[in-house]
Protein backbone atom coordinates (compact mmCIF):
# COMPACT_ATOMS: atom_id res chain seq x y z
CA MET A 1 21.91 -8.79 38.51
CA SER A 2 25.03 -6.87 39.40
CA ALA A 3 25.41 -6.51 43.16
CA ILE A 4 27.06 -3.58 44.88
CA VAL A 5 28.71 -3.55 48.29
CA GLU A 6 29.75 -0.43 50.15
CA SER A 7 33.25 0.23 51.44
CA GLY A 8 34.93 3.21 53.02
CA GLU A 9 36.21 4.09 49.57
CA GLY A 10 32.76 3.89 47.97
CA PRO A 11 30.77 1.12 46.28
CA ILE A 12 32.53 -1.98 44.96
CA GLU A 13 30.83 -4.05 42.30
CA VAL A 14 30.59 -7.74 43.14
CA ILE A 15 32.06 -10.02 40.44
CA GLN A 16 29.33 -12.14 38.87
CA VAL A 17 30.24 -15.81 38.34
CA LEU A 18 28.25 -18.40 36.41
CA PHE A 19 28.86 -22.13 36.94
CA ALA A 20 27.57 -24.34 34.10
CA LEU A 21 26.79 -27.88 35.24
CA HIS A 22 26.12 -31.00 33.19
CA PRO A 23 24.72 -34.35 34.44
CA SER A 24 27.35 -36.44 36.27
CA PHE A 25 29.61 -33.42 36.86
CA GLY A 26 32.43 -33.76 39.37
CA ALA A 27 31.13 -32.60 42.76
CA GLN A 28 34.52 -31.46 44.00
CA GLU A 29 35.14 -29.61 40.74
CA LEU A 30 32.15 -27.45 41.64
CA CYS A 31 32.45 -27.30 45.43
CA GLY A 32 36.18 -26.54 45.53
CA PRO A 33 36.10 -23.39 43.37
CA LEU A 34 32.77 -22.37 44.93
CA GLU A 35 34.30 -22.54 48.40
CA VAL A 36 37.33 -20.49 47.31
CA LEU A 37 35.27 -17.74 45.68
CA SER A 38 32.74 -17.64 48.54
CA ASN A 39 35.53 -16.92 51.02
CA ALA A 40 37.11 -14.08 49.03
CA TYR A 41 36.60 -10.51 50.26
CA HIS A 42 37.84 -7.18 48.94
CA LYS A 43 38.75 -6.32 52.54
CA ILE A 44 40.36 -9.14 54.45
CA LYS A 45 38.00 -10.71 57.05
CA ASP A 46 35.17 -8.32 56.15
CA PRO A 47 32.15 -10.39 54.95
CA GLY A 48 30.44 -7.14 53.99
CA THR A 49 32.88 -6.78 51.08
CA LYS A 50 32.36 -10.12 49.38
CA ALA A 51 34.12 -10.27 46.04
CA PHE A 52 32.09 -12.86 44.12
CA GLU A 53 28.45 -13.79 43.68
CA CYS A 54 27.91 -17.24 42.18
CA THR A 55 25.00 -18.52 40.09
CA ILE A 56 24.50 -22.13 38.97
CA ALA A 57 23.05 -22.98 35.56
CA ALA A 58 21.95 -26.41 34.37
CA ALA A 59 19.56 -27.97 31.87
CA SER A 60 17.08 -28.91 34.60
CA ARG A 61 16.05 -27.64 38.03
CA GLY A 62 18.14 -30.31 39.72
CA VAL A 63 21.43 -31.72 38.41
CA THR A 64 23.20 -34.71 39.97
CA SER A 65 26.94 -35.26 40.20
CA SER A 66 28.74 -38.53 39.47
CA SER A 67 28.92 -39.15 43.24
CA GLY A 68 25.17 -38.68 43.75
CA LEU A 69 25.12 -35.09 45.02
CA THR A 70 22.11 -33.20 43.64
CA ILE A 71 22.44 -29.44 43.18
CA LYS A 72 19.51 -27.07 42.69
CA ALA A 73 20.19 -24.85 39.70
CA ASP A 74 19.44 -21.13 39.94
CA ILE A 75 18.69 -20.78 36.23
CA ASP A 76 18.42 -22.99 33.15
CA PHE A 77 20.69 -22.70 30.12
CA GLU A 78 18.12 -20.74 28.12
CA ASN A 79 17.98 -18.02 30.77
CA ALA A 80 21.75 -18.17 31.16
CA LEU A 81 22.20 -17.43 27.47
CA GLU A 82 19.76 -14.53 27.64
CA SER A 83 21.54 -12.95 30.61
CA LEU A 84 25.10 -13.92 29.66
CA SER A 85 26.28 -10.32 29.31
CA GLU A 86 25.68 -9.82 33.05
CA TYR A 87 28.39 -12.30 34.03
CA ASP A 88 32.09 -11.60 34.41
CA VAL A 89 33.26 -15.19 34.84
CA LEU A 90 32.04 -18.50 33.37
CA ILE A 91 33.29 -21.69 35.05
CA ILE A 92 32.99 -25.15 33.47
CA PRO A 93 33.54 -28.04 35.92
CA GLY A 94 34.50 -31.42 34.47
CA GLY A 95 33.46 -34.92 35.45
CA VAL A 96 32.56 -38.23 33.84
CA GLY A 97 29.47 -36.65 32.26
CA ILE A 98 31.71 -34.74 29.85
CA GLU A 99 31.75 -37.76 27.53
CA GLU A 100 27.97 -37.60 27.07
CA VAL A 101 28.08 -33.85 26.47
CA LEU A 102 30.64 -34.40 23.73
CA SER A 103 28.72 -37.25 22.10
CA LYS A 104 25.39 -35.40 22.16
CA GLN A 105 26.90 -31.97 21.45
CA SER A 106 24.74 -30.61 24.28
CA GLU A 107 25.05 -27.76 26.74
CA PRO A 108 27.13 -26.13 28.00
CA LEU A 109 28.87 -26.15 24.59
CA GLU A 110 26.63 -23.41 23.18
CA LEU A 111 27.04 -21.36 26.36
CA ILE A 112 30.83 -21.55 26.09
CA LYS A 113 30.82 -20.42 22.46
CA ALA A 114 28.40 -17.59 23.21
CA PHE A 115 30.55 -16.33 26.10
CA ALA A 116 33.68 -16.27 23.93
CA GLU A 117 31.82 -14.53 21.10
CA LEU A 118 30.46 -11.98 23.57
CA GLN A 119 33.99 -10.97 24.54
CA GLN A 120 35.02 -10.65 20.91
CA SER A 121 32.04 -8.42 20.12
CA ASP A 122 32.50 -6.36 23.29
CA PRO A 123 36.16 -6.34 24.43
CA SER A 124 35.58 -3.33 26.70
CA LYS A 125 34.66 -5.64 29.59
CA GLU A 126 37.10 -7.90 31.40
CA ARG A 127 35.71 -11.45 31.22
CA THR A 128 37.16 -14.79 32.29
CA LEU A 129 36.42 -18.33 31.11
CA MET A 130 37.74 -21.08 33.38
CA SER A 131 37.51 -24.86 33.18
CA ILE A 132 38.19 -27.45 35.88
CA GLY A 133 39.62 -30.86 34.97
CA THR A 134 37.98 -32.40 31.90
CA GLY A 135 35.85 -29.29 31.46
CA SER A 136 38.64 -28.13 29.17
CA LEU A 137 37.64 -30.82 26.67
CA LEU A 138 34.48 -28.82 26.05
CA LEU A 139 36.52 -25.68 25.42
CA GLY A 140 38.62 -27.65 22.95
CA GLN A 141 35.52 -28.99 21.22
CA THR A 142 34.19 -25.48 20.58
CA GLY A 143 37.44 -24.51 18.85
CA ILE A 144 38.21 -21.54 21.09
CA LEU A 145 41.53 -23.03 22.21
CA GLN A 146 43.05 -22.75 18.72
CA GLY A 147 46.39 -20.98 18.88
CA LEU A 148 46.37 -21.02 22.69
CA ALA A 149 47.82 -23.24 25.42
CA ALA A 150 45.75 -25.36 27.77
CA THR A 151 45.79 -28.26 30.20
CA THR A 152 43.36 -30.84 31.53
CA HIS A 153 43.25 -33.83 33.88
CA PRO A 154 46.44 -35.88 33.31
CA ASP A 155 44.43 -38.95 32.26
CA TYR A 156 42.98 -36.95 29.37
CA TYR A 157 46.03 -35.28 27.82
CA THR A 158 45.86 -37.49 24.72
CA LYS A 159 42.11 -37.08 24.30
CA MET A 160 42.53 -33.34 24.70
CA GLU A 161 45.14 -33.26 21.93
CA ILE A 162 42.87 -35.26 19.61
CA ILE A 163 39.88 -33.01 20.25
CA CYS A 164 41.93 -29.86 19.68
CA LYS A 165 43.46 -31.21 16.45
CA GLU A 166 40.01 -32.06 15.11
CA ALA A 167 38.78 -28.58 16.05
CA ALA A 168 41.77 -27.06 14.24
CA ARG A 169 40.90 -28.98 11.07
CA ARG A 170 37.35 -27.63 11.25
CA GLY A 171 38.53 -24.11 12.01
CA GLU A 172 41.60 -21.99 11.35
CA LEU A 173 44.15 -24.83 11.40
CA GLU A 174 45.88 -23.43 14.48
CA GLN A 175 47.08 -26.02 16.96
CA THR A 176 46.59 -25.97 20.72
CA ASP A 177 49.61 -26.43 22.98
CA VAL A 178 48.42 -29.02 25.52
CA MET A 179 50.67 -28.51 28.52
CA GLU A 180 51.28 -30.81 31.47
CA GLU A 181 50.75 -28.08 34.03
CA ASN A 182 48.74 -27.41 37.19
CA TYR A 183 46.79 -24.65 35.45
CA VAL A 184 47.42 -22.54 32.36
CA VAL A 185 46.40 -18.90 31.88
CA ASN A 186 46.00 -17.19 28.49
CA ASN A 187 45.40 -13.46 27.99
CA ALA A 188 46.40 -12.48 31.51
CA ARG A 189 46.71 -8.82 32.38
CA PHE A 190 49.87 -8.39 34.34
CA ASP A 191 52.21 -5.89 35.91
CA LEU A 192 55.66 -7.36 36.24
CA GLY A 193 56.72 -4.87 38.87
CA GLU A 194 60.20 -3.49 39.37
CA LYS A 195 61.54 -6.63 41.07
CA LEU A 196 60.70 -9.75 39.10
CA GLU A 197 61.64 -12.03 41.99
CA GLU A 198 58.91 -10.43 44.13
CA ASN A 199 56.13 -11.05 41.62
CA PRO A 200 53.91 -13.73 43.20
CA PHE A 201 52.96 -15.21 39.82
CA VAL A 202 56.33 -15.41 38.11
CA LEU A 203 58.19 -18.71 38.28
CA SER A 204 61.80 -17.63 37.83
CA LYS A 205 63.00 -21.23 37.57
CA ARG A 206 61.29 -24.42 36.49
CA PRO A 207 62.70 -27.77 37.63
CA ASP A 208 62.05 -29.34 34.23
CA GLY A 209 63.57 -26.49 32.26
CA ARG A 210 60.32 -25.63 30.50
CA ARG A 211 59.06 -22.15 29.77
CA LYS A 212 58.75 -19.58 32.54
CA SER A 213 55.47 -18.22 33.78
CA ILE A 214 54.81 -14.51 33.40
CA ALA A 215 51.60 -13.45 35.07
CA ARG A 216 49.77 -10.52 36.52
CA LYS A 217 50.76 -9.19 39.89
CA GLY A 218 47.50 -9.38 41.85
CA SER A 219 46.87 -6.06 43.55
CA ASN A 220 43.29 -4.80 43.85
CA ALA A 221 42.95 -5.78 40.21
CA TRP A 222 39.16 -5.71 39.96
CA LYS A 223 38.64 -2.36 41.67
CA GLU A 224 41.25 -0.81 39.43
CA SER A 225 39.93 -2.36 36.22
CA VAL A 226 37.49 0.47 35.51
CA ARG A 227 40.34 2.93 35.36
CA ARG A 228 42.97 0.61 33.92
CA ARG A 229 45.25 2.22 31.34
CA GLU A 230 44.84 -0.76 29.08
CA SER A 231 42.96 0.44 25.98
CA ASN A 232 40.10 -1.46 24.41
CA ALA A 233 42.08 -1.62 21.19
CA ARG A 234 44.92 -3.52 22.84
CA ARG A 235 42.52 -5.98 24.45
CA ALA A 236 40.63 -6.45 21.18
CA ASN A 237 43.89 -7.34 19.43
CA LEU A 238 44.40 -10.30 21.75
CA ARG A 239 42.91 -13.66 20.83
CA LEU A 240 39.23 -13.99 21.74
CA GLY A 241 39.03 -10.25 22.28
CA GLY A 242 41.21 -10.48 25.38
CA LEU A 243 39.08 -13.10 27.13
CA ARG A 244 41.11 -14.36 30.09
CA LEU A 245 41.11 -18.13 29.63
CA ILE A 246 42.15 -20.50 32.42
CA THR A 247 42.28 -24.28 32.20
CA SER A 248 43.23 -26.46 35.15
CA GLY A 249 44.07 -30.09 35.85
CA GLY A 250 42.28 -32.25 38.42
CA VAL A 251 40.35 -31.36 41.56
CA THR A 252 43.11 -29.66 43.56
CA SER A 253 44.33 -27.86 40.45
CA GLY A 254 40.86 -26.33 40.33
CA LEU A 255 41.44 -24.93 43.81
CA ASP A 256 44.78 -23.50 42.69
CA ALA A 257 43.26 -21.91 39.57
CA SER A 258 40.44 -20.43 41.65
CA LEU A 259 42.96 -18.88 44.01
CA TYR A 260 44.73 -17.41 40.98
CA LEU A 261 41.39 -15.93 39.88
CA VAL A 262 40.94 -14.32 43.31
CA ALA A 263 44.46 -12.91 43.16
CA ALA A 264 43.98 -11.57 39.64
CA MET A 265 40.56 -10.00 40.16
CA VAL A 266 40.65 -9.01 43.84
CA SER A 267 44.15 -9.08 45.34
CA HIS A 268 47.00 -11.45 46.04
CA GLU A 269 46.48 -10.83 49.75
CA SER A 270 42.87 -11.95 49.48
CA ALA A 271 43.91 -15.18 47.76
CA GLN A 272 46.48 -15.87 50.47
CA GLU A 273 43.85 -15.31 53.15
CA VAL A 274 41.42 -17.72 51.45
CA ALA A 275 44.15 -20.36 51.28
CA ARG A 276 44.87 -19.82 54.98
CA VAL A 277 41.21 -20.16 55.96
CA LEU A 278 40.89 -23.37 53.93
CA GLN A 279 44.22 -24.65 55.35
CA TYR A 280 45.38 -25.21 51.80
CA THR A 281 48.79 -24.73 50.19
CA TRP A 282 48.39 -22.80 46.94
CA ASN A 283 50.42 -24.33 44.09
CA LYS A 284 51.02 -21.97 41.18
CA GLY A 285 50.51 -22.68 37.49
CA VAL A 286 51.82 -20.91 34.39
CA THR A 287 50.81 -17.96 32.25
CA VAL A 288 51.74 -18.20 28.61
CA GLU A 289 50.46 -14.97 27.12
CA GLY A 290 49.38 -11.55 28.35
CA ILE A 291 49.73 -7.80 28.05
CA ASP A 292 51.59 -5.44 30.32
CA VAL A 293 49.23 -2.90 31.88
């Protein structure tokens, strides 16, 4: 499934993204990130160097959002599970249908767990799991947020805390730090750079006095990943085998988190260009844990 595009510097592998949709998903929680990733290029304004290729998985051929938008799925969840190792990024949009997924313990819960387990069994590959809005409730339900920090839609902070506490009781008794943030990144790979104030992901001051954000400096991150000096052992020692885990708040927070993903895996310049094309002001989130590479 891996696609290759040619550049003057040789072939660049396209980043494979899997969106997992449930009935009554939030349309904007799919379309926003999809629009961001579809406009990202390894070379600015060069459509021949697209950075991401997106695939949509659902339980049925057609899945309908809470607003009545019906999306044709590319693959079902069974095929998604079989081909999961081919994907670099798994994105879980939220929406009102999350409540039914939780009550029925249905997909994409198994897909989420399998993706996290895949990273733990094979930490040599850089993988990312990202949720939009209430999609983070599903991550909490699986127990993979234990010992990590996360956020969700502001209306669901309390429910998120309850779900994570219940998961901790079932698991390793490690609590999840539910943060009131735009988006939260765990297991980032970052280069602070020589001048901290020039790092596009570091918030040197927070108006509320809360913890600072320390995040990766986006600079051709994906193309350099194959020769990154980060050893597999260091990644394996991180929680979830070094799985980059991003949770975001509501709809616009999903746009912000998607721009972070572009910056982290392609380049900061590419993310800025996408924001310009979409006429959108990128609001940063926080990174709570990572390794210097």
